[in-house]
Amino acid sequence: MTYLSDPELVRRTLQGDTAAFGTLVERYKQVVYGVCVSLLGDFALAQDLAQDVFLKAFQHVHRLAMPERFGNWLCIIARNECRLHLRQAHATVAPGRAFYDQASSGQAHLVPAEQ
């Protein structure tokens, strides 16, 4: 099998060749997973979000202006998805509960006065 460049695989994906996108997934799955693990610190959650990253990339590949930068674009999506997840997870924590959790671990001095 011949090596196809990222721009060629993106072009084929845009023409409806899902196998071309599968090649991109194989090429970048460890990179995306690594980005997710480094930001989340949770291996299972990182796997789930990595799948979400590839789904989002597939859905929006038509927006990619510079196909030669597919890898960078994918890493940006991965970082954004992880940050979004962390923001949503942080927002679901009850504000008063954070104080009690930190107080019991001896870190109450780190809690902002508003809490």
N, C-alpha and C. Protein backbone atom coordinates (compact mmCIF):
# COMPACT_ATOMS: atom_id res chain seq x y z
N MET A 1 0.84 -1.19 0.00
CA MET A 1 0.00 0.00 0.00
C MET A 1 0.88 1.24 0.00
N THR A 2 0.53 2.19 -0.80
CA THR A 2 1.31 3.42 -0.88
C THR A 2 0.89 4.37 0.23
N TYR A 3 1.84 5.18 0.62
CA TYR A 3 1.59 6.18 1.65
C TYR A 3 0.85 7.35 1.02
N LEU A 4 -0.27 7.72 1.63
CA LEU A 4 -1.03 8.87 1.18
C LEU A 4 -0.86 10.00 2.19
N SER A 5 -0.66 11.18 1.71
CA SER A 5 -0.48 12.34 2.57
C SER A 5 -1.81 12.73 3.24
N ASP A 6 -1.70 13.49 4.30
CA ASP A 6 -2.90 13.98 4.98
C ASP A 6 -3.81 14.75 4.03
N PRO A 7 -3.28 15.69 3.24
CA PRO A 7 -4.18 16.42 2.33
C PRO A 7 -4.91 15.50 1.34
N GLU A 8 -4.22 14.47 0.87
CA GLU A 8 -4.86 13.53 -0.06
C GLU A 8 -5.97 12.74 0.66
N LEU A 9 -5.70 12.32 1.88
CA LEU A 9 -6.71 11.58 2.64
C LEU A 9 -7.91 12.47 2.98
N VAL A 10 -7.65 13.73 3.29
CA VAL A 10 -8.74 14.68 3.55
C VAL A 10 -9.56 14.87 2.27
N ARG A 11 -8.89 15.02 1.14
CA ARG A 11 -9.59 15.20 -0.13
C ARG A 11 -10.49 14.00 -0.42
N ARG A 12 -9.96 12.80 -0.20
CA ARG A 12 -10.74 11.59 -0.44
C ARG A 12 -11.91 11.48 0.54
N THR A 13 -11.68 11.89 1.78
CA THR A 13 -12.76 11.88 2.76
C THR A 13 -13.89 12.79 2.30
N LEU A 14 -13.53 13.96 1.81
CA LEU A 14 -14.54 14.91 1.35
C LEU A 14 -15.30 14.38 0.13
N GLN A 15 -14.70 13.45 -0.59
CA GLN A 15 -15.36 12.84 -1.74
C GLN A 15 -16.20 11.63 -1.33
N GLY A 16 -16.25 11.35 -0.02
CA GLY A 16 -17.09 10.26 0.46
C GLY A 16 -16.37 8.97 0.79
N ASP A 17 -15.05 8.96 0.72
CA ASP A 17 -14.26 7.76 1.01
C ASP A 17 -14.03 7.66 2.52
N THR A 18 -14.88 6.90 3.21
CA THR A 18 -14.74 6.78 4.67
C THR A 18 -13.49 6.00 5.06
N ALA A 19 -13.01 5.13 4.18
CA ALA A 19 -11.77 4.40 4.47
C ALA A 19 -10.59 5.36 4.57
N ALA A 20 -10.62 6.43 3.81
CA ALA A 20 -9.55 7.43 3.88
C ALA A 20 -9.55 8.08 5.26
N PHE A 21 -10.72 8.37 5.78
CA PHE A 21 -10.77 8.94 7.13
C PHE A 21 -10.31 7.90 8.16
N GLY A 22 -10.64 6.64 7.92
CA GLY A 22 -10.16 5.58 8.81
C GLY A 22 -8.64 5.53 8.86
N THR A 23 -8.00 5.79 7.74
CA THR A 23 -6.54 5.85 7.70
C THR A 23 -6.03 7.01 8.56
N LEU A 24 -6.72 8.15 8.48
CA LEU A 24 -6.34 9.30 9.32
C LEU A 24 -6.52 8.98 10.80
N VAL A 25 -7.59 8.28 11.12
CA VAL A 25 -7.82 7.88 12.52
C VAL A 25 -6.68 7.00 13.00
N GLU A 26 -6.31 6.00 12.20
CA GLU A 26 -5.21 5.12 12.58
C GLU A 26 -3.91 5.90 12.75
N ARG A 27 -3.70 6.86 11.89
CA ARG A 27 -2.47 7.66 11.92
C ARG A 27 -2.39 8.53 13.16
N TYR A 28 -3.51 9.04 13.63
CA TYR A 28 -3.51 10.04 14.70
C TYR A 28 -4.14 9.58 16.01
N LYS A 29 -4.57 8.33 16.11
CA LYS A 29 -5.29 7.92 17.32
C LYS A 29 -4.44 8.01 18.58
N GLN A 30 -3.17 7.67 18.50
CA GLN A 30 -2.31 7.75 19.69
C GLN A 30 -2.03 9.20 20.08
N VAL A 31 -1.90 10.06 19.11
CA VAL A 31 -1.65 11.48 19.38
C VAL A 31 -2.85 12.09 20.09
N VAL A 32 -4.04 11.84 19.55
CA VAL A 32 -5.27 12.40 20.14
C VAL A 32 -5.47 11.84 21.54
N TYR A 33 -5.28 10.54 21.69
CA TYR A 33 -5.42 9.92 23.01
C TYR A 33 -4.42 10.53 24.00
N GLY A 34 -3.21 10.76 23.55
CA GLY A 34 -2.19 11.36 24.41
C GLY A 34 -2.57 12.76 24.86
N VAL A 35 -3.11 13.55 23.95
CA VAL A 35 -3.57 14.90 24.31
C VAL A 35 -4.66 14.80 25.37
N CYS A 36 -5.62 13.90 25.15
CA CYS A 36 -6.73 13.76 26.09
C CYS A 36 -6.27 13.27 27.46
N VAL A 37 -5.37 12.30 27.49
CA VAL A 37 -4.87 11.80 28.77
C VAL A 37 -4.11 12.89 29.51
N SER A 38 -3.31 13.66 28.78
CA SER A 38 -2.51 14.70 29.45
C SER A 38 -3.39 15.78 30.07
N LEU A 39 -4.52 16.07 29.46
CA LEU A 39 -5.40 17.10 30.00
C LEU A 39 -6.37 16.58 31.05
N LEU A 40 -6.78 15.32 30.92
CA LEU A 40 -7.80 14.78 31.80
C LEU A 40 -7.24 13.93 32.94
N GLY A 41 -6.13 13.24 32.69
CA GLY A 41 -5.55 12.38 33.72
C GLY A 41 -6.37 11.13 33.98
N ASP A 42 -7.28 10.80 33.11
CA ASP A 42 -8.17 9.64 33.27
C ASP A 42 -8.15 8.86 31.96
N PHE A 43 -7.61 7.65 32.00
CA PHE A 43 -7.42 6.88 30.78
C PHE A 43 -8.74 6.52 30.09
N ALA A 44 -9.71 6.05 30.85
CA ALA A 44 -10.99 5.65 30.26
C ALA A 44 -11.74 6.85 29.68
N LEU A 45 -11.76 7.93 30.42
CA LEU A 45 -12.41 9.15 29.93
C LEU A 45 -11.70 9.68 28.69
N ALA A 46 -10.38 9.58 28.67
CA ALA A 46 -9.60 10.03 27.51
C ALA A 46 -9.96 9.22 26.27
N GLN A 47 -10.18 7.92 26.44
CA GLN A 47 -10.58 7.09 25.30
C GLN A 47 -11.94 7.54 24.77
N ASP A 48 -12.87 7.79 25.67
CA ASP A 48 -14.20 8.24 25.24
C ASP A 48 -14.14 9.56 24.50
N LEU A 49 -13.39 10.50 25.06
CA LEU A 49 -13.31 11.81 24.42
C LEU A 49 -12.53 11.76 23.11
N ALA A 50 -11.56 10.87 23.02
CA ALA A 50 -10.82 10.72 21.76
C ALA A 50 -11.77 10.27 20.65
N GLN A 51 -12.68 9.39 20.98
CA GLN A 51 -13.68 8.96 19.99
C GLN A 51 -14.56 10.14 19.58
N ASP A 52 -14.95 10.95 20.56
CA ASP A 52 -15.75 12.13 20.26
C ASP A 52 -15.00 13.10 19.36
N VAL A 53 -13.69 13.21 19.58
CA VAL A 53 -12.85 14.10 18.77
C VAL A 53 -12.88 13.66 17.31
N PHE A 54 -12.71 12.37 17.08
CA PHE A 54 -12.71 11.89 15.70
C PHE A 54 -14.08 12.03 15.04
N LEU A 55 -15.13 11.84 15.81
CA LEU A 55 -16.47 12.04 15.28
C LEU A 55 -16.68 13.49 14.89
N LYS A 56 -16.28 14.40 15.77
CA LYS A 56 -16.41 15.82 15.48
C LYS A 56 -15.56 16.21 14.26
N ALA A 57 -14.35 15.67 14.18
CA ALA A 57 -13.49 15.98 13.04
C ALA A 57 -14.13 15.49 11.74
N PHE A 58 -14.71 14.30 11.77
CA PHE A 58 -15.35 13.77 10.57
C PHE A 58 -16.54 14.65 10.15
N GLN A 59 -17.29 15.10 11.13
CA GLN A 59 -18.46 15.93 10.84
C GLN A 59 -18.09 17.31 10.31
N HIS A 60 -16.90 17.78 10.66
CA HIS A 60 -16.50 19.14 10.30
C HIS A 60 -15.29 19.22 9.38
N VAL A 61 -14.89 18.10 8.80
CA VAL A 61 -13.69 18.11 7.96
C VAL A 61 -13.85 19.06 6.78
N HIS A 62 -15.07 19.32 6.35
CA HIS A 62 -15.29 20.25 5.24
C HIS A 62 -14.91 21.69 5.61
N ARG A 63 -14.76 21.97 6.89
CA ARG A 63 -14.37 23.31 7.35
C ARG A 63 -12.86 23.50 7.41
N LEU A 64 -12.12 22.42 7.24
CA LEU A 64 -10.66 22.48 7.34
C LEU A 64 -10.10 23.24 6.14
N ALA A 65 -9.57 24.41 6.40
CA ALA A 65 -9.08 25.28 5.32
C ALA A 65 -7.74 24.81 4.77
N MET A 66 -6.89 24.24 5.62
CA MET A 66 -5.55 23.84 5.20
C MET A 66 -5.36 22.34 5.53
N PRO A 67 -5.71 21.47 4.59
CA PRO A 67 -5.63 20.02 4.85
C PRO A 67 -4.24 19.53 5.26
N GLU A 68 -3.20 20.26 4.89
CA GLU A 68 -1.85 19.84 5.30
C GLU A 68 -1.63 20.01 6.80
N ARG A 69 -2.54 20.71 7.45
CA ARG A 69 -2.43 20.90 8.90
C ARG A 69 -3.48 20.08 9.66
N PHE A 70 -3.89 18.97 9.07
CA PHE A 70 -4.92 18.13 9.67
C PHE A 70 -4.54 17.70 11.09
N GLY A 71 -3.31 17.26 11.30
CA GLY A 71 -2.88 16.81 12.63
C GLY A 71 -2.99 17.90 13.67
N ASN A 72 -2.56 19.10 13.34
CA ASN A 72 -2.67 20.22 14.28
C ASN A 72 -4.12 20.55 14.57
N TRP A 73 -4.95 20.56 13.52
CA TRP A 73 -6.37 20.84 13.65
C TRP A 73 -7.03 19.81 14.57
N LEU A 74 -6.65 18.56 14.42
CA LEU A 74 -7.19 17.49 15.24
C LEU A 74 -6.80 17.67 16.71
N CYS A 75 -5.56 18.06 16.95
CA CYS A 75 -5.11 18.29 18.33
C CYS A 75 -5.83 19.47 18.97
N ILE A 76 -6.14 20.48 18.18
CA ILE A 76 -6.90 21.62 18.69
C ILE A 76 -8.31 21.17 19.08
N ILE A 77 -8.92 20.35 18.24
CA ILE A 77 -10.24 19.82 18.57
C ILE A 77 -10.17 19.01 19.85
N ALA A 78 -9.14 18.19 19.99
CA ALA A 78 -8.97 17.36 21.20
C ALA A 78 -8.84 18.23 22.44
N ARG A 79 -8.00 19.25 22.38
CA ARG A 79 -7.84 20.14 23.53
C ARG A 79 -9.15 20.84 23.87
N ASN A 80 -9.85 21.31 22.86
CA ASN A 80 -11.11 22.01 23.10
C ASN A 80 -12.17 21.08 23.69
N GLU A 81 -12.25 19.86 23.20
CA GLU A 81 -13.22 18.90 23.74
C GLU A 81 -12.91 18.57 25.20
N CYS A 82 -11.63 18.40 25.52
CA CYS A 82 -11.25 18.11 26.90
C CYS A 82 -11.55 19.30 27.81
N ARG A 83 -11.24 20.49 27.36
CA ARG A 83 -11.52 21.68 28.16
C ARG A 83 -13.01 21.87 28.37
N LEU A 84 -13.78 21.62 27.34
CA LEU A 84 -15.24 21.71 27.46
C LEU A 84 -15.74 20.70 28.48
N HIS A 85 -15.23 19.48 28.41
CA HIS A 85 -15.64 18.46 29.38
C HIS A 85 -15.28 18.89 30.81
N LEU A 86 -14.07 19.41 30.99
CA LEU A 86 -13.65 19.83 32.32
C LEU A 86 -14.49 20.98 32.84
N ARG A 87 -14.84 21.93 31.97
CA ARG A 87 -15.71 23.04 32.38
C ARG A 87 -17.08 22.53 32.78
N GLN A 88 -17.62 21.63 32.00
CA GLN A 88 -18.95 21.09 32.31
C GLN A 88 -18.92 20.27 33.59
N ALA A 89 -17.87 19.51 33.79
CA ALA A 89 -17.75 18.71 35.01
C ALA A 89 -17.59 19.62 36.22
N HIS A 90 -16.83 20.69 36.07
CA HIS A 90 -16.63 21.63 37.17
C HIS A 90 -17.92 22.37 37.50
N ALA A 91 -18.71 22.68 36.49
CA ALA A 91 -19.96 23.42 36.70
C ALA A 91 -21.00 22.58 37.40
N THR A 92 -20.90 21.25 37.31
CA THR A 92 -21.90 20.40 37.95
C THR A 92 -21.61 20.15 39.42
N VAL A 93 -20.44 20.53 39.90
CA VAL A 93 -20.12 20.37 41.32
C VAL A 93 -20.88 21.43 42.10
N ALA A 94 -21.59 20.99 43.12
CA ALA A 94 -22.34 21.93 43.95
C ALA A 94 -21.37 22.87 44.65
N PRO A 95 -21.58 24.19 44.56
CA PRO A 95 -20.62 25.15 45.12
C PRO A 95 -20.34 24.92 46.61
N GLY A 96 -21.33 24.66 47.40
CA GLY A 96 -21.11 24.45 48.82
C GLY A 96 -20.38 23.16 49.11
N ARG A 97 -20.58 22.17 48.29
CA ARG A 97 -19.97 20.86 48.51
C ARG A 97 -18.45 20.92 48.34
N ALA A 98 -17.95 21.78 47.48
CA ALA A 98 -16.51 21.88 47.26
C ALA A 98 -15.79 22.26 48.55
N PHE A 99 -16.38 23.15 49.33
CA PHE A 99 -15.77 23.56 50.59
C PHE A 99 -15.64 22.38 51.54
N TYR A 100 -16.71 21.61 51.67
CA TYR A 100 -16.69 20.49 52.60
C TYR A 100 -15.72 19.41 52.15
N ASP A 101 -15.64 19.19 50.86
CA ASP A 101 -14.69 18.21 50.34
C ASP A 101 -13.26 18.64 50.63
N GLN A 102 -12.96 19.92 50.43
CA GLN A 102 -11.60 20.41 50.68
C GLN A 102 -11.33 20.53 52.18
N ALA A 103 -12.34 20.88 52.94
CA ALA A 103 -12.15 21.00 54.39
C ALA A 103 -11.79 19.65 54.98
N SER A 104 -12.44 18.60 54.51
CA SER A 104 -12.16 17.27 55.04
C SER A 104 -10.78 16.77 54.62
N SER A 105 -10.23 17.32 53.55
CA SER A 105 -8.90 16.89 53.12
C SER A 105 -7.81 17.84 53.62
N GLY A 106 -8.19 18.81 54.46
CA GLY A 106 -7.22 19.73 55.02
C GLY A 106 -6.82 20.85 54.09
N GLN A 107 -7.63 21.13 53.07
CA GLN A 107 -7.30 22.17 52.10
C GLN A 107 -8.32 23.30 52.12
N ALA A 108 -8.99 23.50 53.20
CA ALA A 108 -10.03 24.53 53.27
C ALA A 108 -9.45 25.93 53.04
N HIS A 109 -8.18 26.12 53.35
CA HIS A 109 -7.56 27.41 53.14
C HIS A 109 -7.44 27.77 51.66
N LEU A 110 -7.64 26.79 50.75
CA LEU A 110 -7.54 27.02 49.32
C LEU A 110 -8.86 27.40 48.68
N VAL A 111 -9.94 27.33 49.45
CA VAL A 111 -11.26 27.61 48.92
C VAL A 111 -11.50 29.14 48.91
N PRO A 112 -11.95 29.71 47.81
CA PRO A 112 -12.24 31.14 47.76
C PRO A 112 -13.27 31.53 48.82
N ALA A 113 -13.19 32.77 49.28
CA ALA A 113 -14.06 33.26 50.34
C ALA A 113 -15.53 33.17 49.97
N GLU A 114 -15.85 33.28 48.66
CA GLU A 114 -17.25 33.25 48.25
C GLU A 114 -17.90 31.92 48.58
N GLN A 115 -17.10 30.86 48.66
CA GLN A 115 -17.66 29.54 48.94
C GLN A 115 -17.80 29.34 50.42
